[in-house]
Every structure is written in C-alpha cells, then in structure tokens.
Amino acid sequence: NVAIDVARILCRTRDELAKTDIAD
C-alpha cells in the first residue's frame, strides 16, 4: 500500500493534490 501510494502521489496533478491535506 505504501509503494502504490508513493507512485500515485507522483502521478497526481496539482488540482488533485490541492484538495487534500498534503503539506503545503
């Protein structure tokens, strides 16, 4: 699960990430 999380975050767009609580 951690590996696929890392891969997915690397592939996400800014718009997708901006809807989350990812560190600014």
PDBML (XML) file of the C-alpha atoms, coordinates in Angstrom:
<?xml version="1.0" encoding="UTF-8" ?>
<PDBx:datablock datablockName="MODEL"
   xmlns:PDBx="http://pdbml.pdb.org/schema/pdbx-v50.xsd"
   xmlns:xsi="http://www.w3.org/2001/XMLSchema-instance"
   xsi:schemaLocation="http://pdbml.pdb.org/schema/pdbx-v50.xsd pdbx-v50.xsd">
   <PDBx:atom_siteCategory>
      <PDBx:atom_site id="1">
         <PDBx:B_iso_or_equiv>0.00</PDBx:B_iso_or_equiv>
         <PDBx:Cartn_x>0.000</PDBx:Cartn_x>
         <PDBx:Cartn_y>0.000</PDBx:Cartn_y>
         <PDBx:Cartn_z>0.000</PDBx:Cartn_z>
         <PDBx:auth_asym_id>A</PDBx:auth_asym_id>
         <PDBx:auth_atom_id>CA</PDBx:auth_atom_id>
         <PDBx:auth_comp_id>ASN</PDBx:auth_comp_id>
         <PDBx:auth_seq_id>1</PDBx:auth_seq_id>
         <PDBx:group_PDB>ATOM</PDBx:group_PDB>
         <PDBx:label_alt_id xsi:nil="true" />
         <PDBx:label_asym_id>A</PDBx:label_asym_id>
         <PDBx:label_atom_id>CA</PDBx:label_atom_id>
         <PDBx:label_comp_id>ASN</PDBx:label_comp_id>
         <PDBx:label_entity_id>1</PDBx:label_entity_id>
         <PDBx:label_seq_id>1</PDBx:label_seq_id>
         <PDBx:occupancy>1.00</PDBx:occupancy>
         <PDBx:pdbx_PDB_model_num>1</PDBx:pdbx_PDB_model_num>
         <PDBx:type_symbol>C</PDBx:type_symbol>
      </PDBx:atom_site>
      <PDBx:atom_site id="2">
         <PDBx:B_iso_or_equiv>0.00</PDBx:B_iso_or_equiv>
         <PDBx:Cartn_x>2.824</PDBx:Cartn_x>
         <PDBx:Cartn_y>2.437</PDBx:Cartn_y>
         <PDBx:Cartn_z>0.764</PDBx:Cartn_z>
         <PDBx:auth_asym_id>A</PDBx:auth_asym_id>
         <PDBx:auth_atom_id>CA</PDBx:auth_atom_id>
         <PDBx:auth_comp_id>VAL</PDBx:auth_comp_id>
         <PDBx:auth_seq_id>2</PDBx:auth_seq_id>
         <PDBx:group_PDB>ATOM</PDBx:group_PDB>
         <PDBx:label_alt_id xsi:nil="true" />
         <PDBx:label_asym_id>A</PDBx:label_asym_id>
         <PDBx:label_atom_id>CA</PDBx:label_atom_id>
         <PDBx:label_comp_id>VAL</PDBx:label_comp_id>
         <PDBx:label_entity_id>1</PDBx:label_entity_id>
         <PDBx:label_seq_id>2</PDBx:label_seq_id>
         <PDBx:occupancy>1.00</PDBx:occupancy>
         <PDBx:pdbx_PDB_model_num>1</PDBx:pdbx_PDB_model_num>
         <PDBx:type_symbol>C</PDBx:type_symbol>
      </PDBx:atom_site>
      <PDBx:atom_site id="3">
         <PDBx:B_iso_or_equiv>0.00</PDBx:B_iso_or_equiv>
         <PDBx:Cartn_x>4.520</PDBx:Cartn_x>
         <PDBx:Cartn_y>1.752</PDBx:Cartn_y>
         <PDBx:Cartn_z>-2.565</PDBx:Cartn_z>
         <PDBx:auth_asym_id>A</PDBx:auth_asym_id>
         <PDBx:auth_atom_id>CA</PDBx:auth_atom_id>
         <PDBx:auth_comp_id>ALA</PDBx:auth_comp_id>
         <PDBx:auth_seq_id>3</PDBx:auth_seq_id>
         <PDBx:group_PDB>ATOM</PDBx:group_PDB>
         <PDBx:label_alt_id xsi:nil="true" />
         <PDBx:label_asym_id>A</PDBx:label_asym_id>
         <PDBx:label_atom_id>CA</PDBx:label_atom_id>
         <PDBx:label_comp_id>ALA</PDBx:label_comp_id>
         <PDBx:label_entity_id>1</PDBx:label_entity_id>
         <PDBx:label_seq_id>3</PDBx:label_seq_id>
         <PDBx:occupancy>1.00</PDBx:occupancy>
         <PDBx:pdbx_PDB_model_num>1</PDBx:pdbx_PDB_model_num>
         <PDBx:type_symbol>C</PDBx:type_symbol>
      </PDBx:atom_site>
      <PDBx:atom_site id="4">
         <PDBx:B_iso_or_equiv>0.00</PDBx:B_iso_or_equiv>
         <PDBx:Cartn_x>1.365</PDBx:Cartn_x>
         <PDBx:Cartn_y>2.348</PDBx:Cartn_y>
         <PDBx:Cartn_z>-4.580</PDBx:Cartn_z>
         <PDBx:auth_asym_id>A</PDBx:auth_asym_id>
         <PDBx:auth_atom_id>CA</PDBx:auth_atom_id>
         <PDBx:auth_comp_id>ILE</PDBx:auth_comp_id>
         <PDBx:auth_seq_id>4</PDBx:auth_seq_id>
         <PDBx:group_PDB>ATOM</PDBx:group_PDB>
         <PDBx:label_alt_id xsi:nil="true" />
         <PDBx:label_asym_id>A</PDBx:label_asym_id>
         <PDBx:label_atom_id>CA</PDBx:label_atom_id>
         <PDBx:label_comp_id>ILE</PDBx:label_comp_id>
         <PDBx:label_entity_id>1</PDBx:label_entity_id>
         <PDBx:label_seq_id>4</PDBx:label_seq_id>
         <PDBx:occupancy>1.00</PDBx:occupancy>
         <PDBx:pdbx_PDB_model_num>1</PDBx:pdbx_PDB_model_num>
         <PDBx:type_symbol>C</PDBx:type_symbol>
      </PDBx:atom_site>
      <PDBx:atom_site id="5">
         <PDBx:B_iso_or_equiv>0.00</PDBx:B_iso_or_equiv>
         <PDBx:Cartn_x>0.678</PDBx:Cartn_x>
         <PDBx:Cartn_y>5.484</PDBx:Cartn_y>
         <PDBx:Cartn_z>-2.507</PDBx:Cartn_z>
         <PDBx:auth_asym_id>A</PDBx:auth_asym_id>
         <PDBx:auth_atom_id>CA</PDBx:auth_atom_id>
         <PDBx:auth_comp_id>ASP</PDBx:auth_comp_id>
         <PDBx:auth_seq_id>5</PDBx:auth_seq_id>
         <PDBx:group_PDB>ATOM</PDBx:group_PDB>
         <PDBx:label_alt_id xsi:nil="true" />
         <PDBx:label_asym_id>A</PDBx:label_asym_id>
         <PDBx:label_atom_id>CA</PDBx:label_atom_id>
         <PDBx:label_comp_id>ASP</PDBx:label_comp_id>
         <PDBx:label_entity_id>1</PDBx:label_entity_id>
         <PDBx:label_seq_id>5</PDBx:label_seq_id>
         <PDBx:occupancy>1.00</PDBx:occupancy>
         <PDBx:pdbx_PDB_model_num>1</PDBx:pdbx_PDB_model_num>
         <PDBx:type_symbol>C</PDBx:type_symbol>
      </PDBx:atom_site>
      <PDBx:atom_site id="6">
         <PDBx:B_iso_or_equiv>0.00</PDBx:B_iso_or_equiv>
         <PDBx:Cartn_x>4.086</PDBx:Cartn_x>
         <PDBx:Cartn_y>6.887</PDBx:Cartn_y>
         <PDBx:Cartn_z>-3.481</PDBx:Cartn_z>
         <PDBx:auth_asym_id>A</PDBx:auth_asym_id>
         <PDBx:auth_atom_id>CA</PDBx:auth_atom_id>
         <PDBx:auth_comp_id>VAL</PDBx:auth_comp_id>
         <PDBx:auth_seq_id>6</PDBx:auth_seq_id>
         <PDBx:group_PDB>ATOM</PDBx:group_PDB>
         <PDBx:label_alt_id xsi:nil="true" />
         <PDBx:label_asym_id>A</PDBx:label_asym_id>
         <PDBx:label_atom_id>CA</PDBx:label_atom_id>
         <PDBx:label_comp_id>VAL</PDBx:label_comp_id>
         <PDBx:label_entity_id>1</PDBx:label_entity_id>
         <PDBx:label_seq_id>6</PDBx:label_seq_id>
         <PDBx:occupancy>1.00</PDBx:occupancy>
         <PDBx:pdbx_PDB_model_num>1</PDBx:pdbx_PDB_model_num>
         <PDBx:type_symbol>C</PDBx:type_symbol>
      </PDBx:atom_site>
      <PDBx:atom_site id="7">
         <PDBx:B_iso_or_equiv>0.00</PDBx:B_iso_or_equiv>
         <PDBx:Cartn_x>3.540</PDBx:Cartn_x>
         <PDBx:Cartn_y>6.025</PDBx:Cartn_y>
         <PDBx:Cartn_z>-7.148</PDBx:Cartn_z>
         <PDBx:auth_asym_id>A</PDBx:auth_asym_id>
         <PDBx:auth_atom_id>CA</PDBx:auth_atom_id>
         <PDBx:auth_comp_id>ALA</PDBx:auth_comp_id>
         <PDBx:auth_seq_id>7</PDBx:auth_seq_id>
         <PDBx:group_PDB>ATOM</PDBx:group_PDB>
         <PDBx:label_alt_id xsi:nil="true" />
         <PDBx:label_asym_id>A</PDBx:label_asym_id>
         <PDBx:label_atom_id>CA</PDBx:label_atom_id>
         <PDBx:label_comp_id>ALA</PDBx:label_comp_id>
         <PDBx:label_entity_id>1</PDBx:label_entity_id>
         <PDBx:label_seq_id>7</PDBx:label_seq_id>
         <PDBx:occupancy>1.00</PDBx:occupancy>
         <PDBx:pdbx_PDB_model_num>1</PDBx:pdbx_PDB_model_num>
         <PDBx:type_symbol>C</PDBx:type_symbol>
      </PDBx:atom_site>
      <PDBx:atom_site id="8">
         <PDBx:B_iso_or_equiv>0.00</PDBx:B_iso_or_equiv>
         <PDBx:Cartn_x>0.085</PDBx:Cartn_x>
         <PDBx:Cartn_y>7.589</PDBx:Cartn_y>
         <PDBx:Cartn_z>-7.140</PDBx:Cartn_z>
         <PDBx:auth_asym_id>A</PDBx:auth_asym_id>
         <PDBx:auth_atom_id>CA</PDBx:auth_atom_id>
         <PDBx:auth_comp_id>ARG</PDBx:auth_comp_id>
         <PDBx:auth_seq_id>8</PDBx:auth_seq_id>
         <PDBx:group_PDB>ATOM</PDBx:group_PDB>
         <PDBx:label_alt_id xsi:nil="true" />
         <PDBx:label_asym_id>A</PDBx:label_asym_id>
         <PDBx:label_atom_id>CA</PDBx:label_atom_id>
         <PDBx:label_comp_id>ARG</PDBx:label_comp_id>
         <PDBx:label_entity_id>1</PDBx:label_entity_id>
         <PDBx:label_seq_id>8</PDBx:label_seq_id>
         <PDBx:occupancy>1.00</PDBx:occupancy>
         <PDBx:pdbx_PDB_model_num>1</PDBx:pdbx_PDB_model_num>
         <PDBx:type_symbol>C</PDBx:type_symbol>
      </PDBx:atom_site>
      <PDBx:atom_site id="9">
         <PDBx:B_iso_or_equiv>0.00</PDBx:B_iso_or_equiv>
         <PDBx:Cartn_x>1.202</PDBx:Cartn_x>
         <PDBx:Cartn_y>10.821</PDBx:Cartn_y>
         <PDBx:Cartn_z>-5.449</PDBx:Cartn_z>
         <PDBx:auth_asym_id>A</PDBx:auth_asym_id>
         <PDBx:auth_atom_id>CA</PDBx:auth_atom_id>
         <PDBx:auth_comp_id>ILE</PDBx:auth_comp_id>
         <PDBx:auth_seq_id>9</PDBx:auth_seq_id>
         <PDBx:group_PDB>ATOM</PDBx:group_PDB>
         <PDBx:label_alt_id xsi:nil="true" />
         <PDBx:label_asym_id>A</PDBx:label_asym_id>
         <PDBx:label_atom_id>CA</PDBx:label_atom_id>
         <PDBx:label_comp_id>ILE</PDBx:label_comp_id>
         <PDBx:label_entity_id>1</PDBx:label_entity_id>
         <PDBx:label_seq_id>9</PDBx:label_seq_id>
         <PDBx:occupancy>1.00</PDBx:occupancy>
         <PDBx:pdbx_PDB_model_num>1</PDBx:pdbx_PDB_model_num>
         <PDBx:type_symbol>C</PDBx:type_symbol>
      </PDBx:atom_site>
      <PDBx:atom_site id="10">
         <PDBx:B_iso_or_equiv>0.00</PDBx:B_iso_or_equiv>
         <PDBx:Cartn_x>3.981</PDBx:Cartn_x>
         <PDBx:Cartn_y>11.176</PDBx:Cartn_y>
         <PDBx:Cartn_z>-8.045</PDBx:Cartn_z>
         <PDBx:auth_asym_id>A</PDBx:auth_asym_id>
         <PDBx:auth_atom_id>CA</PDBx:auth_atom_id>
         <PDBx:auth_comp_id>LEU</PDBx:auth_comp_id>
         <PDBx:auth_seq_id>10</PDBx:auth_seq_id>
         <PDBx:group_PDB>ATOM</PDBx:group_PDB>
         <PDBx:label_alt_id xsi:nil="true" />
         <PDBx:label_asym_id>A</PDBx:label_asym_id>
         <PDBx:label_atom_id>CA</PDBx:label_atom_id>
         <PDBx:label_comp_id>LEU</PDBx:label_comp_id>
         <PDBx:label_entity_id>1</PDBx:label_entity_id>
         <PDBx:label_seq_id>10</PDBx:label_seq_id>
         <PDBx:occupancy>1.00</PDBx:occupancy>
         <PDBx:pdbx_PDB_model_num>1</PDBx:pdbx_PDB_model_num>
         <PDBx:type_symbol>C</PDBx:type_symbol>
      </PDBx:atom_site>
      <PDBx:atom_site id="11">
         <PDBx:B_iso_or_equiv>0.00</PDBx:B_iso_or_equiv>
         <PDBx:Cartn_x>1.346</PDBx:Cartn_x>
         <PDBx:Cartn_y>10.863</PDBx:Cartn_y>
         <PDBx:Cartn_z>-10.791</PDBx:Cartn_z>
         <PDBx:auth_asym_id>A</PDBx:auth_asym_id>
         <PDBx:auth_atom_id>CA</PDBx:auth_atom_id>
         <PDBx:auth_comp_id>CYS</PDBx:auth_comp_id>
         <PDBx:auth_seq_id>11</PDBx:auth_seq_id>
         <PDBx:group_PDB>ATOM</PDBx:group_PDB>
         <PDBx:label_alt_id xsi:nil="true" />
         <PDBx:label_asym_id>A</PDBx:label_asym_id>
         <PDBx:label_atom_id>CA</PDBx:label_atom_id>
         <PDBx:label_comp_id>CYS</PDBx:label_comp_id>
         <PDBx:label_entity_id>1</PDBx:label_entity_id>
         <PDBx:label_seq_id>11</PDBx:label_seq_id>
         <PDBx:occupancy>1.00</PDBx:occupancy>
         <PDBx:pdbx_PDB_model_num>1</PDBx:pdbx_PDB_model_num>
         <PDBx:type_symbol>C</PDBx:type_symbol>
      </PDBx:atom_site>
      <PDBx:atom_site id="12">
         <PDBx:B_iso_or_equiv>0.00</PDBx:B_iso_or_equiv>
         <PDBx:Cartn_x>-1.275</PDBx:Cartn_x>
         <PDBx:Cartn_y>13.210</PDBx:Cartn_y>
         <PDBx:Cartn_z>-9.346</PDBx:Cartn_z>
         <PDBx:auth_asym_id>A</PDBx:auth_asym_id>
         <PDBx:auth_atom_id>CA</PDBx:auth_atom_id>
         <PDBx:auth_comp_id>ARG</PDBx:auth_comp_id>
         <PDBx:auth_seq_id>12</PDBx:auth_seq_id>
         <PDBx:group_PDB>ATOM</PDBx:group_PDB>
         <PDBx:label_alt_id xsi:nil="true" />
         <PDBx:label_asym_id>A</PDBx:label_asym_id>
         <PDBx:label_atom_id>CA</PDBx:label_atom_id>
         <PDBx:label_comp_id>ARG</PDBx:label_comp_id>
         <PDBx:label_entity_id>1</PDBx:label_entity_id>
         <PDBx:label_seq_id>12</PDBx:label_seq_id>
         <PDBx:occupancy>1.00</PDBx:occupancy>
         <PDBx:pdbx_PDB_model_num>1</PDBx:pdbx_PDB_model_num>
         <PDBx:type_symbol>C</PDBx:type_symbol>
      </PDBx:atom_site>
      <PDBx:atom_site id="13">
         <PDBx:B_iso_or_equiv>0.00</PDBx:B_iso_or_equiv>
         <PDBx:Cartn_x>-1.971</PDBx:Cartn_x>
         <PDBx:Cartn_y>16.689</PDBx:Cartn_y>
         <PDBx:Cartn_z>-10.746</PDBx:Cartn_z>
         <PDBx:auth_asym_id>A</PDBx:auth_asym_id>
         <PDBx:auth_atom_id>CA</PDBx:auth_atom_id>
         <PDBx:auth_comp_id>THR</PDBx:auth_comp_id>
         <PDBx:auth_seq_id>13</PDBx:auth_seq_id>
         <PDBx:group_PDB>ATOM</PDBx:group_PDB>
         <PDBx:label_alt_id xsi:nil="true" />
         <PDBx:label_asym_id>A</PDBx:label_asym_id>
         <PDBx:label_atom_id>CA</PDBx:label_atom_id>
         <PDBx:label_comp_id>THR</PDBx:label_comp_id>
         <PDBx:label_entity_id>1</PDBx:label_entity_id>
         <PDBx:label_seq_id>13</PDBx:label_seq_id>
         <PDBx:occupancy>1.00</PDBx:occupancy>
         <PDBx:pdbx_PDB_model_num>1</PDBx:pdbx_PDB_model_num>
         <PDBx:type_symbol>C</PDBx:type_symbol>
      </PDBx:atom_site>
      <PDBx:atom_site id="14">
         <PDBx:B_iso_or_equiv>0.00</PDBx:B_iso_or_equiv>
         <PDBx:Cartn_x>-1.835</PDBx:Cartn_x>
         <PDBx:Cartn_y>19.847</PDBx:Cartn_y>
         <PDBx:Cartn_z>-8.684</PDBx:Cartn_z>
         <PDBx:auth_asym_id>A</PDBx:auth_asym_id>
         <PDBx:auth_atom_id>CA</PDBx:auth_atom_id>
         <PDBx:auth_comp_id>ARG</PDBx:auth_comp_id>
         <PDBx:auth_seq_id>14</PDBx:auth_seq_id>
         <PDBx:group_PDB>ATOM</PDBx:group_PDB>
         <PDBx:label_alt_id xsi:nil="true" />
         <PDBx:label_asym_id>A</PDBx:label_asym_id>
         <PDBx:label_atom_id>CA</PDBx:label_atom_id>
         <PDBx:label_comp_id>ARG</PDBx:label_comp_id>
         <PDBx:label_entity_id>1</PDBx:label_entity_id>
         <PDBx:label_seq_id>14</PDBx:label_seq_id>
         <PDBx:occupancy>1.00</PDBx:occupancy>
         <PDBx:pdbx_PDB_model_num>1</PDBx:pdbx_PDB_model_num>
         <PDBx:type_symbol>C</PDBx:type_symbol>
      </PDBx:atom_site>
      <PDBx:atom_site id="15">
         <PDBx:B_iso_or_equiv>0.00</PDBx:B_iso_or_equiv>
         <PDBx:Cartn_x>-5.638</PDBx:Cartn_x>
         <PDBx:Cartn_y>20.073</PDBx:Cartn_y>
         <PDBx:Cartn_z>-8.782</PDBx:Cartn_z>
         <PDBx:auth_asym_id>A</PDBx:auth_asym_id>
         <PDBx:auth_atom_id>CA</PDBx:auth_atom_id>
         <PDBx:auth_comp_id>ASP</PDBx:auth_comp_id>
         <PDBx:auth_seq_id>15</PDBx:auth_seq_id>
         <PDBx:group_PDB>ATOM</PDBx:group_PDB>
         <PDBx:label_alt_id xsi:nil="true" />
         <PDBx:label_asym_id>A</PDBx:label_asym_id>
         <PDBx:label_atom_id>CA</PDBx:label_atom_id>
         <PDBx:label_comp_id>ASP</PDBx:label_comp_id>
         <PDBx:label_entity_id>1</PDBx:label_entity_id>
         <PDBx:label_seq_id>15</PDBx:label_seq_id>
         <PDBx:occupancy>1.00</PDBx:occupancy>
         <PDBx:pdbx_PDB_model_num>1</PDBx:pdbx_PDB_model_num>
         <PDBx:type_symbol>C</PDBx:type_symbol>
      </PDBx:atom_site>
      <PDBx:atom_site id="16">
         <PDBx:B_iso_or_equiv>0.00</PDBx:B_iso_or_equiv>
         <PDBx:Cartn_x>-5.965</PDBx:Cartn_x>
         <PDBx:Cartn_y>16.567</PDBx:Cartn_y>
         <PDBx:Cartn_z>-7.381</PDBx:Cartn_z>
         <PDBx:auth_asym_id>A</PDBx:auth_asym_id>
         <PDBx:auth_atom_id>CA</PDBx:auth_atom_id>
         <PDBx:auth_comp_id>GLU</PDBx:auth_comp_id>
         <PDBx:auth_seq_id>16</PDBx:auth_seq_id>
         <PDBx:group_PDB>ATOM</PDBx:group_PDB>
         <PDBx:label_alt_id xsi:nil="true" />
         <PDBx:label_asym_id>A</PDBx:label_asym_id>
         <PDBx:label_atom_id>CA</PDBx:label_atom_id>
         <PDBx:label_comp_id>GLU</PDBx:label_comp_id>
         <PDBx:label_entity_id>1</PDBx:label_entity_id>
         <PDBx:label_seq_id>16</PDBx:label_seq_id>
         <PDBx:occupancy>1.00</PDBx:occupancy>
         <PDBx:pdbx_PDB_model_num>1</PDBx:pdbx_PDB_model_num>
         <PDBx:type_symbol>C</PDBx:type_symbol>
      </PDBx:atom_site>
      <PDBx:atom_site id="17">
         <PDBx:B_iso_or_equiv>0.00</PDBx:B_iso_or_equiv>
         <PDBx:Cartn_x>-3.420</PDBx:Cartn_x>
         <PDBx:Cartn_y>17.209</PDBx:Cartn_y>
         <PDBx:Cartn_z>-4.614</PDBx:Cartn_z>
         <PDBx:auth_asym_id>A</PDBx:auth_asym_id>
         <PDBx:auth_atom_id>CA</PDBx:auth_atom_id>
         <PDBx:auth_comp_id>LEU</PDBx:auth_comp_id>
         <PDBx:auth_seq_id>17</PDBx:auth_seq_id>
         <PDBx:group_PDB>ATOM</PDBx:group_PDB>
         <PDBx:label_alt_id xsi:nil="true" />
         <PDBx:label_asym_id>A</PDBx:label_asym_id>
         <PDBx:label_atom_id>CA</PDBx:label_atom_id>
         <PDBx:label_comp_id>LEU</PDBx:label_comp_id>
         <PDBx:label_entity_id>1</PDBx:label_entity_id>
         <PDBx:label_seq_id>17</PDBx:label_seq_id>
         <PDBx:occupancy>1.00</PDBx:occupancy>
         <PDBx:pdbx_PDB_model_num>1</PDBx:pdbx_PDB_model_num>
         <PDBx:type_symbol>C</PDBx:type_symbol>
      </PDBx:atom_site>
      <PDBx:atom_site id="18">
         <PDBx:B_iso_or_equiv>0.00</PDBx:B_iso_or_equiv>
         <PDBx:Cartn_x>-4.780</PDBx:Cartn_x>
         <PDBx:Cartn_y>20.665</PDBx:Cartn_y>
         <PDBx:Cartn_z>-3.760</PDBx:Cartn_z>
         <PDBx:auth_asym_id>A</PDBx:auth_asym_id>
         <PDBx:auth_atom_id>CA</PDBx:auth_atom_id>
         <PDBx:auth_comp_id>ALA</PDBx:auth_comp_id>
         <PDBx:auth_seq_id>18</PDBx:auth_seq_id>
         <PDBx:group_PDB>ATOM</PDBx:group_PDB>
         <PDBx:label_alt_id xsi:nil="true" />
         <PDBx:label_asym_id>A</PDBx:label_asym_id>
         <PDBx:label_atom_id>CA</PDBx:label_atom_id>
         <PDBx:label_comp_id>ALA</PDBx:label_comp_id>
         <PDBx:label_entity_id>1</PDBx:label_entity_id>
         <PDBx:label_seq_id>18</PDBx:label_seq_id>
         <PDBx:occupancy>1.00</PDBx:occupancy>
         <PDBx:pdbx_PDB_model_num>1</PDBx:pdbx_PDB_model_num>
         <PDBx:type_symbol>C</PDBx:type_symbol>
      </PDBx:atom_site>
      <PDBx:atom_site id="19">
         <PDBx:B_iso_or_equiv>0.00</PDBx:B_iso_or_equiv>
         <PDBx:Cartn_x>-7.986</PDBx:Cartn_x>
         <PDBx:Cartn_y>19.043</PDBx:Cartn_y>
         <PDBx:Cartn_z>-2.492</PDBx:Cartn_z>
         <PDBx:auth_asym_id>A</PDBx:auth_asym_id>
         <PDBx:auth_atom_id>CA</PDBx:auth_atom_id>
         <PDBx:auth_comp_id>LYS</PDBx:auth_comp_id>
         <PDBx:auth_seq_id>19</PDBx:auth_seq_id>
         <PDBx:group_PDB>ATOM</PDBx:group_PDB>
         <PDBx:label_alt_id xsi:nil="true" />
         <PDBx:label_asym_id>A</PDBx:label_asym_id>
         <PDBx:label_atom_id>CA</PDBx:label_atom_id>
         <PDBx:label_comp_id>LYS</PDBx:label_comp_id>
         <PDBx:label_entity_id>1</PDBx:label_entity_id>
         <PDBx:label_seq_id>19</PDBx:label_seq_id>
         <PDBx:occupancy>1.00</PDBx:occupancy>
         <PDBx:pdbx_PDB_model_num>1</PDBx:pdbx_PDB_model_num>
         <PDBx:type_symbol>C</PDBx:type_symbol>
      </PDBx:atom_site>
      <PDBx:atom_site id="20">
         <PDBx:B_iso_or_equiv>0.00</PDBx:B_iso_or_equiv>
         <PDBx:Cartn_x>-6.036</PDBx:Cartn_x>
         <PDBx:Cartn_y>17.152</PDBx:Cartn_y>
         <PDBx:Cartn_z>0.183</PDBx:Cartn_z>
         <PDBx:auth_asym_id>A</PDBx:auth_asym_id>
         <PDBx:auth_atom_id>CA</PDBx:auth_atom_id>
         <PDBx:auth_comp_id>THR</PDBx:auth_comp_id>
         <PDBx:auth_seq_id>20</PDBx:auth_seq_id>
         <PDBx:group_PDB>ATOM</PDBx:group_PDB>
         <PDBx:label_alt_id xsi:nil="true" />
         <PDBx:label_asym_id>A</PDBx:label_asym_id>
         <PDBx:label_atom_id>CA</PDBx:label_atom_id>
         <PDBx:label_comp_id>THR</PDBx:label_comp_id>
         <PDBx:label_entity_id>1</PDBx:label_entity_id>
         <PDBx:label_seq_id>20</PDBx:label_seq_id>
         <PDBx:occupancy>1.00</PDBx:occupancy>
         <PDBx:pdbx_PDB_model_num>1</PDBx:pdbx_PDB_model_num>
         <PDBx:type_symbol>C</PDBx:type_symbol>
      </PDBx:atom_site>
      <PDBx:atom_site id="21">
         <PDBx:B_iso_or_equiv>0.00</PDBx:B_iso_or_equiv>
         <PDBx:Cartn_x>-4.144</PDBx:Cartn_x>
         <PDBx:Cartn_y>17.921</PDBx:Cartn_y>
         <PDBx:Cartn_z>3.386</PDBx:Cartn_z>
         <PDBx:auth_asym_id>A</PDBx:auth_asym_id>
         <PDBx:auth_atom_id>CA</PDBx:auth_atom_id>
         <PDBx:auth_comp_id>ASP</PDBx:auth_comp_id>
         <PDBx:auth_seq_id>21</PDBx:auth_seq_id>
         <PDBx:group_PDB>ATOM</PDBx:group_PDB>
         <PDBx:label_alt_id xsi:nil="true" />
         <PDBx:label_asym_id>A</PDBx:label_asym_id>
         <PDBx:label_atom_id>CA</PDBx:label_atom_id>
         <PDBx:label_comp_id>ASP</PDBx:label_comp_id>
         <PDBx:label_entity_id>1</PDBx:label_entity_id>
         <PDBx:label_seq_id>21</PDBx:label_seq_id>
         <PDBx:occupancy>1.00</PDBx:occupancy>
         <PDBx:pdbx_PDB_model_num>1</PDBx:pdbx_PDB_model_num>
         <PDBx:type_symbol>C</PDBx:type_symbol>
      </PDBx:atom_site>
      <PDBx:atom_site id="22">
         <PDBx:B_iso_or_equiv>0.00</PDBx:B_iso_or_equiv>
         <PDBx:Cartn_x>-0.759</PDBx:Cartn_x>
         <PDBx:Cartn_y>17.305</PDBx:Cartn_y>
         <PDBx:Cartn_z>1.750</PDBx:Cartn_z>
         <PDBx:auth_asym_id>A</PDBx:auth_asym_id>
         <PDBx:auth_atom_id>CA</PDBx:auth_atom_id>
         <PDBx:auth_comp_id>ILE</PDBx:auth_comp_id>
         <PDBx:auth_seq_id>22</PDBx:auth_seq_id>
         <PDBx:group_PDB>ATOM</PDBx:group_PDB>
         <PDBx:label_alt_id xsi:nil="true" />
         <PDBx:label_asym_id>A</PDBx:label_asym_id>
         <PDBx:label_atom_id>CA</PDBx:label_atom_id>
         <PDBx:label_comp_id>ILE</PDBx:label_comp_id>
         <PDBx:label_entity_id>1</PDBx:label_entity_id>
         <PDBx:label_seq_id>22</PDBx:label_seq_id>
         <PDBx:occupancy>1.00</PDBx:occupancy>
         <PDBx:pdbx_PDB_model_num>1</PDBx:pdbx_PDB_model_num>
         <PDBx:type_symbol>C</PDBx:type_symbol>
      </PDBx:atom_site>
      <PDBx:atom_site id="23">
         <PDBx:B_iso_or_equiv>0.00</PDBx:B_iso_or_equiv>
         <PDBx:Cartn_x>1.965</PDBx:Cartn_x>
         <PDBx:Cartn_y>19.530</PDBx:Cartn_y>
         <PDBx:Cartn_z>3.216</PDBx:Cartn_z>
         <PDBx:auth_asym_id>A</PDBx:auth_asym_id>
         <PDBx:auth_atom_id>CA</PDBx:auth_atom_id>
         <PDBx:auth_comp_id>ALA</PDBx:auth_comp_id>
         <PDBx:auth_seq_id>23</PDBx:auth_seq_id>
         <PDBx:group_PDB>ATOM</PDBx:group_PDB>
         <PDBx:label_alt_id xsi:nil="true" />
         <PDBx:label_asym_id>A</PDBx:label_asym_id>
         <PDBx:label_atom_id>CA</PDBx:label_atom_id>
         <PDBx:label_comp_id>ALA</PDBx:label_comp_id>
         <PDBx:label_entity_id>1</PDBx:label_entity_id>
         <PDBx:label_seq_id>23</PDBx:label_seq_id>
         <PDBx:occupancy>1.00</PDBx:occupancy>
         <PDBx:pdbx_PDB_model_num>1</PDBx:pdbx_PDB_model_num>
         <PDBx:type_symbol>C</PDBx:type_symbol>
      </PDBx:atom_site>
      <PDBx:atom_site id="24">
         <PDBx:B_iso_or_equiv>0.00</PDBx:B_iso_or_equiv>
         <PDBx:Cartn_x>1.910</PDBx:Cartn_x>
         <PDBx:Cartn_y>22.934</PDBx:Cartn_y>
         <PDBx:Cartn_z>1.531</PDBx:Cartn_z>
         <PDBx:auth_asym_id>A</PDBx:auth_asym_id>
         <PDBx:auth_atom_id>CA</PDBx:auth_atom_id>
         <PDBx:auth_comp_id>ASP</PDBx:auth_comp_id>
         <PDBx:auth_seq_id>24</PDBx:auth_seq_id>
         <PDBx:group_PDB>ATOM</PDBx:group_PDB>
         <PDBx:label_alt_id xsi:nil="true" />
         <PDBx:label_asym_id>A</PDBx:label_asym_id>
         <PDBx:label_atom_id>CA</PDBx:label_atom_id>
         <PDBx:label_comp_id>ASP</PDBx:label_comp_id>
         <PDBx:label_entity_id>1</PDBx:label_entity_id>
         <PDBx:label_seq_id>24</PDBx:label_seq_id>
         <PDBx:occupancy>1.00</PDBx:occupancy>
         <PDBx:pdbx_PDB_model_num>1</PDBx:pdbx_PDB_model_num>
         <PDBx:type_symbol>C</PDBx:type_symbol>
      </PDBx:atom_site>
   </PDBx:atom_siteCategory>
</PDBx:datablock>
